[in-house]
C-alpha atoms as a PDB file:
ATOM      1  CA  MET A   1     193.478 122.978  88.798  1.00  0.00           C
ATOM      2  CA  ASP A   2     196.715 120.292  89.228  1.00  0.00           C
ATOM      3  CA  SER A   3     197.432 120.428  85.168  1.00  0.00           C
ATOM      4  CA  ASP A   4     200.219 117.611  85.615  1.00  0.00           C
ATOM      5  CA  SER A   5     198.081 114.980  87.645  1.00  0.00           C
ATOM      6  CA  ARG A   6     194.667 115.725  85.816  1.00  0.00           C
ATOM      7  CA  ARG A   7     193.177 116.797  88.788  1.00  0.00           C
ATOM      8  CA  LEU A   8     190.879 119.344  89.582  1.00  0.00           C
ATOM      9  CA  PHE A   9     190.078 120.494  93.492  1.00  0.00           C
ATOM     10  CA  ILE A  10     186.796 121.948  94.457  1.00  0.00           C
ATOM     11  CA  ALA A  11     185.903 123.452  97.627  1.00  0.00           C
ATOM     12  CA  GLY A  12     182.370 122.611  98.869  1.00  0.00           C
ATOM     13  CA  ASP A  13     179.776 122.041 102.119  1.00  0.00           C
ATOM     14  CA  ASP A  14     181.143 118.550 102.200  1.00  0.00           C
ATOM     15  CA  GLY A  15     184.586 119.419 101.824  1.00  0.00           C
ATOM     16  CA  ILE A  16     187.004 119.123  98.920  1.00  0.00           C
ATOM     17  CA  THR A  17     185.826 117.332  95.916  1.00  0.00           C
ATOM     18  CA  VAL A  18     188.580 115.824  93.702  1.00  0.00           C
ATOM     19  CA  LEU A  19     187.619 115.413  89.938  1.00  0.00           C
ATOM     20  CA  ASN A  20     189.439 113.855  86.933  1.00  0.00           C
ATOM     21  CA  ALA A  21     189.778 116.984  84.998  1.00  0.00           C
ATOM     22  CA  ASP A  22     189.818 115.314  81.612  1.00  0.00           C
ATOM     23  CA  THR A  23     186.636 113.010  82.181  1.00  0.00           C
ATOM     24  CA  GLY A  24     185.023 114.229  85.242  1.00  0.00           C
ATOM     25  CA  ASP A  25     185.085 110.939  87.522  1.00  0.00           C
ATOM     26  CA  LYS A  26     185.320 111.815  91.018  1.00  0.00           C
ATOM     27  CA  LEU A  27     188.638 110.362  92.336  1.00  0.00           C
ATOM     28  CA  GLY A  28     187.857 111.368  96.178  1.00  0.00           C
ATOM     29  CA  ASN A  29     187.195 113.853  98.519  1.00  0.00           C
ATOM     30  CA  ILE A  30     189.181 115.437 101.743  1.00  0.00           C
ATOM     31  CA  GLN A  31     187.242 115.954 104.719  1.00  0.00           C
ATOM     32  CA  LEU A  32     186.569 119.597 105.816  1.00  0.00           C
ATOM     33  CA  LYS A  33     183.004 120.842 107.099  1.00  0.00           C
ATOM     34  CA  ASN A  34     181.715 124.118 105.095  1.00  0.00           C
ATOM     35  CA  ALA A  35     184.896 124.103 102.985  1.00  0.00           C
ATOM     36  CA  GLN A  36     185.446 128.001 101.282  1.00  0.00           C
ATOM     37  CA  ASP A  37     188.410 128.400  99.071  1.00  0.00           C
ATOM     38  CA  VAL A  38     191.086 125.363  98.261  1.00  0.00           C
ATOM     39  CA  LEU A  39     194.780 126.381  97.125  1.00  0.00           C
ATOM     40  CA  LEU A  40     197.547 124.483  95.554  1.00  0.00           C
ATOM     41  CA  ILE A  41     200.991 125.543  96.128  1.00  0.00           C
ATOM     42  CA  PRO A  42     202.766 126.262  92.623  1.00  0.00           C
ATOM     43  CA  VAL A  43     206.426 124.782  92.009  1.00  0.00           C
ATOM     44  CA  MET A  44     208.468 127.003  89.425  1.00  0.00           C
ATOM     45  CA  ASN A  45     211.183 125.566  87.622  1.00  0.00           C
ATOM     46  CA  GLY A  46     212.703 129.117  86.369  1.00  0.00           C
ATOM     47  CA  ASP A  47     209.861 130.121  84.416  1.00  0.00           C
ATOM     48  CA  GLU A  48     208.192 126.606  84.139  1.00  0.00           C
ATOM     49  CA  GLN A  49     205.626 125.695  86.375  1.00  0.00           C
ATOM     50  CA  GLY A  50     206.270 122.323  87.886  1.00  0.00           C
ATOM     51  CA  ALA A  51     203.993 119.813  89.874  1.00  0.00           C
ATOM     52  CA  SER A  52     202.453 120.927  92.952  1.00  0.00           C
ATOM     53  CA  THR A  53     202.946 118.201  96.135  1.00  0.00           C
ATOM     54  CA  LYS A  54     200.633 120.428  98.498  1.00  0.00           C
ATOM     55  CA  GLY A  55     197.562 121.709  99.096  1.00  0.00           C
ATOM     56  CA  PHE A  56     195.580 124.057 101.609  1.00  0.00           C
ATOM     57  CA  ALA A  57     192.028 124.775 102.148  1.00  0.00           C
ATOM     58  CA  THR A  58     190.007 126.818 104.377  1.00  0.00           C
ATOM     59  CA  GLY A  59     186.464 126.008 106.360  1.00  0.00           C
ATOM     60  CA  ASP A  60     184.383 126.327 109.068  1.00  0.00           C
ATOM     61  CA  GLY A  61     187.449 128.906 111.068  1.00  0.00           C
ATOM     62  CA  SER A  62     189.955 126.431 110.104  1.00  0.00           C
ATOM     63  CA  ILE A  63     192.784 126.002 107.648  1.00  0.00           C
ATOM     64  CA  ILE A  64     194.281 122.376 106.419  1.00  0.00           C
ATOM     65  CA  ALA A  65     197.458 121.441 104.670  1.00  0.00           C
ATOM     66  CA  PHE A  66     196.892 118.169 102.473  1.00  0.00           C
ATOM     67  CA  SER A  67     199.695 116.164 100.681  1.00  0.00           C
ATOM     68  CA  LEU A  68     198.805 116.004  96.877  1.00  0.00           C
ATOM     69  CA  ALA A  69     200.091 112.536  96.680  1.00  0.00           C
ATOM     70  CA  ASP A  70     197.641 110.614  98.713  1.00  0.00           C
ATOM     71  CA  MET A  71     195.283 113.627  99.339  1.00  0.00           C
ATOM     72  CA  LYS A  72     195.179 113.280 103.226  1.00  0.00           C
ATOM     73  CA  ILE A  73     195.189 115.948 105.705  1.00  0.00           C
ATOM     74  CA  THR A  74     199.390 116.999 107.018  1.00  0.00           C
ATOM     75  CA  ALA A  75     198.064 119.993 109.374  1.00  0.00           C
ATOM     76  CA  THR A  76     194.995 121.468 110.784  1.00  0.00           C
ATOM     77  CA  GLU A  77     194.818 125.217 112.810  1.00  0.00           C
ATOM     78  CA  LYS A  78     192.445 127.260 113.499  1.00  0.00           C
ATOM     79  CA  LEU A  79     191.960 131.016 112.053  1.00  0.00           C
ATOM     80  CA  PRO A  80     191.664 134.428 114.100  1.00  0.00           C
ATOM     81  CA  THR A  81     188.141 134.677 113.123  1.00  0.00           C
ATOM     82  CA  ARG A  82     185.466 132.115 111.714  1.00  0.00           C
ATOM     83  CA  GLY A  83     183.294 132.834 108.733  1.00  0.00           C
ATOM     84  CA  ALA A  84     184.489 132.956 104.670  1.00  0.00           C
ATOM     85  CA  SER A  85     188.096 132.690 104.611  1.00  0.00           C
ATOM     86  CA  SER A  86     190.220 133.284 101.124  1.00  0.00           C
ATOM     87  CA  LEU A  87     193.608 132.110 100.264  1.00  0.00           C
ATOM     88  CA  CYS A  88     196.920 132.833  98.033  1.00  0.00           C
ATOM     89  CA  TYR A  89     200.521 132.109  98.063  1.00  0.00           C
ATOM     90  CA  ASP A  90     203.434 134.661  98.195  1.00  0.00           C
ATOM     91  CA  ASP A  91     206.248 132.997  96.229  1.00  0.00           C
ATOM     92  CA  ASP A  92     208.489 135.351  97.773  1.00  0.00           C
ATOM     93  CA  ALA A  93     207.746 135.084 101.042  1.00  0.00           C
ATOM     94  CA  LYS A  94     206.814 131.370 100.816  1.00  0.00           C
ATOM     95  CA  THR A  95     203.780 131.798 102.801  1.00  0.00           C
ATOM     96  CA  VAL A  96     200.037 131.067 102.193  1.00  0.00           C
ATOM     97  CA  GLU A  97     197.975 134.160 103.121  1.00  0.00           C
ATOM     98  CA  ALA A  98     194.132 133.926 104.877  1.00  0.00           C
ATOM     99  CA  VAL A  99     191.660 136.419 104.582  1.00  0.00           C
ATOM    100  CA  SER A 100     188.597 136.122 106.648  1.00  0.00           C
ATOM    101  CA  ALA A 101     185.785 138.247 105.510  1.00  0.00           C
ATOM    102  CA  GLY A 102     185.163 138.330 109.732  1.00  0.00           C
ATOM    103  CA  GLY A 103     188.181 140.931 109.897  1.00  0.00           C
ATOM    104  CA  SER A 104     191.507 138.787 110.264  1.00  0.00           C
ATOM    105  CA  LEU A 105     194.828 138.443 108.013  1.00  0.00           C
ATOM    106  CA  ALA A 106     196.562 135.134 108.933  1.00  0.00           C
ATOM    107  CA  THR A 107     200.033 134.286 107.629  1.00  0.00           C
ATOM    108  CA  VAL A 108     201.075 130.494 107.501  1.00  0.00           C
ATOM    109  CA  ASP A 109     204.266 128.874 106.297  1.00  0.00           C
ATOM    110  CA  ALA A 110     203.871 126.701 103.291  1.00  0.00           C
ATOM    111  CA  GLU A 111     206.248 124.192 104.562  1.00  0.00           C
ATOM    112  CA  SER A 112     204.759 123.550 107.734  1.00  0.00           C
ATOM    113  CA  GLY A 113     201.308 124.437 107.534  1.00  0.00           C
ATOM    114  CA  LYS A 114     201.808 126.299 110.629  1.00  0.00           C
ATOM    115  CA  VAL A 115     200.045 129.953 111.454  1.00  0.00           C
ATOM    116  CA  VAL A 116     202.846 132.029 112.009  1.00  0.00           C
ATOM    117  CA  LYS A 117     201.313 135.281 112.347  1.00  0.00           C
ATOM    118  CA  SER A 118     197.707 136.734 112.803  1.00  0.00           C
ATOM    119  CA  ASP A 119     195.852 140.079 113.115  1.00  0.00           C
ATOM    120  CA  ARG A 120     192.651 141.541 113.120  1.00  0.00           C
ATOM    121  CA  ILE A 121     192.152 144.007 110.505  1.00  0.00           C
ATOM    122  CA  ALA A 122     189.151 145.331 108.407  1.00  0.00           C
ATOM    123  CA  THR A 123     189.126 143.112 105.253  1.00  0.00           C
ATOM    124  CA  GLY A 124     186.287 142.474 102.565  1.00  0.00           C
ATOM    125  CA  ALA A 125     184.010 139.735 101.328  1.00  0.00           C
ATOM    126  CA  GLY A 126     185.711 139.998  97.892  1.00  0.00           C
ATOM    127  CA  GLN A 127     188.580 137.830  96.159  1.00  0.00           C
ATOM    128  CA  ILE A 128     191.784 138.241  97.092  1.00  0.00           C
ATOM    129  CA  VAL A 129     195.106 138.089  95.535  1.00  0.00           C
ATOM    130  CA  CYS A 130     198.890 138.102  96.676  1.00  0.00           C
ATOM    131  CA  GLY A 131     202.497 137.766  95.573  1.00  0.00           C
ATOM    132  CA  THR A 132     204.171 141.014  95.328  1.00  0.00           C
ATOM    133  CA  LEU A 133     205.993 143.268  98.032  1.00  0.00           C
ATOM    134  CA  GLY A 134     204.340 141.640 100.989  1.00  0.00           C
ATOM    135  CA  HIS A 135     201.344 142.834 100.485  1.00  0.00           C
ATOM    136  CA  VAL A 136     197.487 140.754 100.374  1.00  0.00           C
ATOM    137  CA  TYR A 137     195.045 142.676  98.033  1.00  0.00           C
ATOM    138  CA  VAL A 138     191.035 142.443  99.059  1.00  0.00           C
ATOM    139  CA  ALA A 139     188.408 143.040  97.198  1.00  0.00           C
ATOM    140  CA  ASP A 140     186.093 145.240  99.664  1.00  0.00           C
ATOM    141  CA  THR A 141     182.334 144.827  97.959  1.00  0.00           C
ATOM    142  CA  SER A 142     180.565 146.882 100.567  1.00  0.00           C
ATOM    143  CA  GLY A 143     183.473 149.828 101.042  1.00  0.00           C
ATOM    144  CA  ASN A 144     183.987 150.214  97.002  1.00  0.00           C
ATOM    145  CA  VAL A 145     187.832 149.973  97.313  1.00  0.00           C
ATOM    146  CA  ILE A 146     190.640 147.712  97.323  1.00  0.00           C
ATOM    147  CA  HIS A 147     192.406 147.370 100.605  1.00  0.00           C
ATOM    148  CA  VAL A 148     196.121 146.907 100.519  1.00  0.00           C
ATOM    149  CA  LEU A 149     197.229 144.709 103.602  1.00  0.00           C
ATOM    150  CA  ASN A 150     200.349 144.339 104.859  1.00  0.00           C
ATOM    151  CA  HIS A 151     201.131 140.807 106.112  1.00  0.00           C
ATOM    152  CA  GLY A 152     204.444 141.401 107.834  1.00  0.00           C
ATOM    153  CA  THR A 153     203.114 144.604 110.027  1.00  0.00           C
ATOM    154  CA  GLY A 154     199.118 143.272 109.890  1.00  0.00           C
ATOM    155  CA  LYS A 155     198.414 146.849 108.930  1.00  0.00           C
ATOM    156  CA  ASN A 156     196.174 148.450 106.116  1.00  0.00           C
ATOM    157  CA  ASP A 157     199.135 150.064 104.117  1.00  0.00           C
ATOM    158  CA  GLY A 158     196.265 152.223 102.352  1.00  0.00           C
ATOM    159  CA  ASP A 159     192.714 151.125  99.818  1.00  0.00           C
ATOM    160  CA  TYR A 160     193.017 151.443  96.361  1.00  0.00           C
ATOM    161  CA  PRO A 161     189.871 153.723  94.979  1.00  0.00           C
ATOM    162  CA  ILE A 162     187.626 152.366  92.097  1.00  0.00           C
ATOM    163  CA  MET A 163     187.001 154.757  89.314  1.00  0.00           C
ATOM    164  CA  SER A 164     184.002 153.909  87.934  1.00  0.00           C
ATOM    165  CA  GLY A 165     182.905 150.975  88.998  1.00  0.00           C
ATOM    166  CA  SER A 166     180.839 149.692  91.854  1.00  0.00           C
ATOM    167  CA  LYS A 167     181.109 146.956  94.112  1.00  0.00           C
ATOM    168  CA  PRO A 168     184.812 145.161  93.186  1.00  0.00           C
ATOM    169  CA  SER A 169     183.873 141.503  94.056  1.00  0.00           C
ATOM    170  CA  GLY A 170     186.925 139.734  91.383  1.00  0.00           C
ATOM    171  CA  LEU A 171     190.380 140.236  91.677  1.00  0.00           C
ATOM    172  CA  ALA A 172     193.751 138.835  89.558  1.00  0.00           C
ATOM    173  CA  LEU A 173     197.008 140.008  89.858  1.00  0.00           C
ATOM    174  CA  ASP A 174     199.964 139.953  87.210  1.00  0.00           C
ATOM    175  CA  THR A 175     202.954 139.283  89.605  1.00  0.00           C
ATOM    176  CA  LYS A 176     205.490 140.650  86.923  1.00  0.00           C
ATOM    177  CA  GLY A 177     203.687 144.104  85.469  1.00  0.00           C
ATOM    178  CA  ARG A 178     202.038 144.749  89.069  1.00  0.00           C
ATOM    179  CA  ARG A 179     198.925 145.085  87.369  1.00  0.00           C
ATOM    180  CA  LEU A 180     195.755 144.197  89.265  1.00  0.00           C
ATOM    181  CA  PHE A 181     192.377 143.563  87.414  1.00  0.00           C
ATOM    182  CA  VAL A 182     189.242 144.337  89.441  1.00  0.00           C
ATOM    183  CA  ALA A 183     186.149 142.999  87.832  1.00  0.00           C
ATOM    184  CA  CYS A 184     182.951 145.047  89.446  1.00  0.00           C
ATOM    185  CA  GLU A 185     179.192 144.029  90.128  1.00  0.00           C
ATOM    186  CA  ASP A 186     178.209 145.956  87.757  1.00  0.00           C
ATOM    187  CA  GLY A 187     180.148 145.104  85.074  1.00  0.00           C
ATOM    188  CA  VAL A 188     183.255 147.359  85.025  1.00  0.00           C
ATOM    189  CA  ILE A 189     186.654 146.079  85.048  1.00  0.00           C
ATOM    190  CA  GLU A 190     189.337 148.259  86.118  1.00  0.00           C
ATOM    191  CA  ILE A 191     193.146 147.615  85.491  1.00  0.00           C
ATOM    192  CA  ILE A 192     195.354 149.309  87.941  1.00  0.00           C
ATOM    193  CA  ASP A 193     199.239 149.996  88.579  1.00  0.00           C
ATOM    194  CA  THR A 194     199.660 148.642  91.815  1.00  0.00           C
ATOM    195  CA  ASP A 195     202.837 150.842  92.330  1.00  0.00           C
ATOM    196  CA  SER A 196     200.895 153.907  92.026  1.00  0.00           C
ATOM    197  CA  GLY A 197     197.522 152.910  92.904  1.00  0.00           C
ATOM    198  CA  PHE A 198     195.697 154.702  89.800  1.00  0.00           C
ATOM    199  CA  THR A 199     193.311 152.716  87.506  1.00  0.00           C
ATOM    200  CA  PHE A 200     194.584 153.363  83.751  1.00  0.00           C
ATOM    201  CA  ILE A 201     192.176 151.339  82.115  1.00  0.00           C
ATOM    202  CA  GLU A 202     188.567 150.463  82.028  1.00  0.00           C
ATOM    203  CA  LEU A 203     186.660 147.528  80.309  1.00  0.00           C
ATOM    204  CA  LYS A 204     183.689 146.136  80.088  1.00  0.00           C
ATOM    205  CA  GLY A 205     182.278 142.565  81.489  1.00  0.00           C
ATOM    206  CA  GLY A 206     179.413 141.090  82.460  1.00  0.00           C
ATOM    207  CA  ALA A 207     177.209 141.858  85.507  1.00  0.00           C
ATOM    208  CA  GLY A 208     176.836 139.952  89.540  1.00  0.00           C
ATOM    209  CA  PRO A 209     179.485 138.701  91.557  1.00  0.00           C
ATOM    210  CA  ALA A 210     182.825 137.904  89.941  1.00  0.00           C
ATOM    211  CA  ARG A 211     185.722 135.582  90.293  1.00  0.00           C
ATOM    212  CA  GLU A 212     188.844 135.652  88.113  1.00  0.00           C
ATOM    213  CA  THR A 213     192.288 134.375  87.172  1.00  0.00           C
ATOM    214  CA  PHE A 214     195.254 135.426  85.784  1.00  0.00           C
ATOM    215  CA  ALA A 215     197.052 133.072  83.112  1.00  0.00           C
ATOM    216  CA  TRP A 216     200.350 134.131  81.238  1.00  0.00           C
ATOM    217  CA  THR A 217     199.724 132.462  77.518  1.00  0.00           C
ATOM    218  CA  PRO A 218     202.342 133.439  75.250  1.00  0.00           C
ATOM    219  CA  GLN A 219     201.844 130.142  72.942  1.00  0.00           C
ATOM    220  CA  GLY A 220     198.265 130.573  73.012  1.00  0.00           C
ATOM    221  CA  LYS A 221     195.573 131.182  70.448  1.00  0.00           C
ATOM    222  CA  GLY A 222     196.184 134.627  68.628  1.00  0.00           C
ATOM    223  CA  GLN A 223     199.515 135.054  70.194  1.00  0.00           C
ATOM    224  CA  TRP A 224     197.880 136.554  73.796  1.00  0.00           C
ATOM    225  CA  LYS A 225     200.929 137.541  75.857  1.00  0.00           C
ATOM    226  CA  ALA A 226     198.653 137.027  78.612  1.00  0.00           C
ATOM    227  CA  ALA A 227     194.911 137.207  80.155  1.00  0.00           C
ATOM    228  CA  SER A 228     192.860 138.057  82.668  1.00  0.00           C
ATOM    229  CA  PHE A 229     189.608 135.613  82.612  1.00  0.00           C
ATOM    230  CA  VAL A 230     186.638 136.975  84.130  1.00  0.00           C
ATOM    231  CA  ALA A 231     183.485 135.060  85.467  1.00  0.00           C
ATOM    232  CA  HIS A 232     180.718 137.043  86.245  1.00  0.00           C
ATOM    233  CA  GLN A 233     177.300 135.886  87.930  1.00  0.00           C
ATOM    234  CA  ASP A 234     175.043 136.609  84.928  1.00  0.00           C
ATOM    235  CA  GLY A 235     177.087 133.901  82.651  1.00  0.00           C
ATOM    236  CA  THR A 236     179.424 136.023  80.950  1.00  0.00           C
ATOM    237  CA  LEU A 237     182.841 134.810  80.499  1.00  0.00           C
ATOM    238  CA  THR A 238     185.397 137.644  79.647  1.00  0.00           C
ATOM    239  CA  GLY A 239     189.181 137.572  78.445  1.00  0.00           C
ATOM    240  CA  VAL A 240     190.986 140.564  79.034  1.00  0.00           C
ATOM    241  CA  ARG A 241     193.938 140.086  76.675  1.00  0.00           C
ATOM    242  CA  MET A 242     197.594 141.496  77.440  1.00  0.00           C
ATOM    243  CA  ASN A 243     198.834 142.750  74.416  1.00  0.00           C
ATOM    244  CA  ALA A 244     201.741 144.910  76.507  1.00  0.00           C
ATOM    245  CA  TYR A 245     201.880 145.642  79.987  1.00  0.00           C
ATOM    246  CA  ILE A 246     200.134 149.300  79.582  1.00  0.00           C
ATOM    247  CA  ASN A 247     197.854 148.123  76.595  1.00  0.00           C
ATOM    248  CA  TYR A 248     194.885 145.525  77.436  1.00  0.00           C
ATOM    249  CA  THR A 249     191.801 145.087  75.456  1.00  0.00           C
ATOM    250  CA  VAL A 250     188.778 142.733  75.668  1.00  0.00           C
ATOM    251  CA  GLY A 251     190.041 139.724  73.442  1.00  0.00           C
ATOM    252  CA  GLY A 252     186.695 137.517  73.815  1.00  0.00           C
ATOM    253  CA  GLN A 253     183.172 137.678  75.636  1.00  0.00           C
ATOM    254  CA  TYR A 254     181.178 134.631  75.778  1.00  0.00           C
ATOM    255  CA  LYS A 255     177.675 133.887  77.394  1.00  0.00           C
ATOM    256  CA  LEU A 256     177.532 130.786  79.489  1.00  0.00           C
ATOM    257  CA  GLU A 257     175.723 128.810  82.368  1.00  0.00           C
ATOM    258  CA  PRO A 258     174.605 131.787  84.677  1.00  0.00           C
ATOM    259  CA  GLY A 259     175.256 131.537  88.359  1.00  0.00           C
ATOM    260  CA  LEU A 260     178.996 131.431  87.162  1.00  0.00           C
ATOM    261  CA  GLY A 261     181.691 131.085  90.362  1.00  0.00           C
ATOM    262  CA  SER A 262     184.971 130.118  90.799  1.00  0.00           C
ATOM    263  CA  ILE A 263     187.241 129.874  87.884  1.00  0.00           C
ATOM    264  CA  ALA A 264     190.625 127.968  87.199  1.00  0.00           C
ATOM    265  CA  PHE A 265     192.961 127.731  84.165  1.00  0.00           C
ATOM    266  CA  ASP A 266     194.516 124.674  83.202  1.00  0.00           C
ATOM    267  CA  ALA A 267     197.836 125.240  81.446  1.00  0.00           C
ATOM    268  CA  LYS A 268     198.194 122.062  79.733  1.00  0.00           C
ATOM    269  CA  THR A 269     195.105 122.081  77.762  1.00  0.00           C
ATOM    270  CA  ARG A 270     194.250 125.908  77.901  1.00  0.00           C
ATOM    271  CA  HIS A 271     191.198 125.235  79.304  1.00  0.00           C
ATOM    272  CA  LEU A 272     188.987 127.009  81.549  1.00  0.00           C
ATOM    273  CA  PHE A 273     186.936 125.350  84.686  1.00  0.00           C
ATOM    274  CA  ILE A 274     184.591 127.272  86.421  1.00  0.00           C
ATOM    275  CA  THR A 275     181.735 126.277  88.955  1.00  0.00           C
ATOM    276  CA  ALA A 276     178.202 127.151  87.871  1.00  0.00           C
ATOM    277  CA  MET A 277     174.512 126.289  88.784  1.00  0.00           C
ATOM    278  CA  HIS A 278     172.746 124.129  86.387  1.00  0.00           C
ATOM    279  CA  SER A 279     169.135 123.084  86.891  1.00  0.00           C
ATOM    280  CA  GLY A 280     169.256 123.514  90.577  1.00  0.00           C
ATOM    281  CA  ALA A 281     172.367 121.442  90.391  1.00  0.00           C
ATOM    282  CA  PRO A 282     176.419 122.229  91.139  1.00  0.00           C
ATOM    283  CA  VAL A 283     178.267 121.569  87.794  1.00  0.00           C
ATOM    284  CA  VAL A 284     181.864 122.720  86.532  1.00  0.00           C
ATOM    285  CA  VAL A 285     181.605 124.458  82.749  1.00  0.00           C
ATOM    286  CA  VAL A 286     184.837 124.051  80.586  1.00  0.00           C
ATOM    287  CA  ALA A 287     185.588 126.634  78.153  1.00  0.00           C
ATOM    288  CA  GLY A 288     188.045 126.308  75.726  1.00  0.00           C
ATOM    289  CA  TYR A 289     190.420 128.925  74.927  1.00  0.00           C
END
């Protein structure tokens, strides 16, 4: 989601579809066969987020960089392994991290779009997040753990066990408090202190594979400090409310379209954009916060 330009970027089989976030009109398409993930590089002006200028996407074993100004590809690089690949951005290192479910971790320079380092490593098929201490967190659904991958060394620094949930698939990260929000396919949402690797709160969400996003909402309705929004495949949308760094509750839960997928937060309108299926056709569900 590019809140400033009001554009929504959606990865799909025929590339990256660009929509007007307010009207739903199609604005263009970035060619990338079997696109799997898309990431816009955030620009920070102090604590305020500025307008993004560059994006990245993965598909068919490749990663591309593209300009948001004209939506043209500026760089293309091969990844170490084919198959589904996910992206996250490390603001400290100024790198894009690409994790392949086929078993690799690639580090891409965010400025040039070039792969600067890659390693073969056991990963997982769930969501990934990064942004603290040089680590990429990967939900390994089949292993029932969260891998903590070090993109400097290319090694696994350890695994976070899941307390009572089963099959973690959704991840979100609060990079300030270093809290990891883990949504499991059985509906359990675990909140992990990444310094200790310990789950200190468990909440209840929906069922099925999950995706989630973390957002700061200090001026939001009800004065939520921040929230992790979790979309489960059964159509359940859960808002995990931050009351304090050690206090989280379910702030709201709603039943939307079944088949919920990827989720993005619009900081301008405080709306959530969630991919879903409706009568066999792909749609974007817009939920107001």
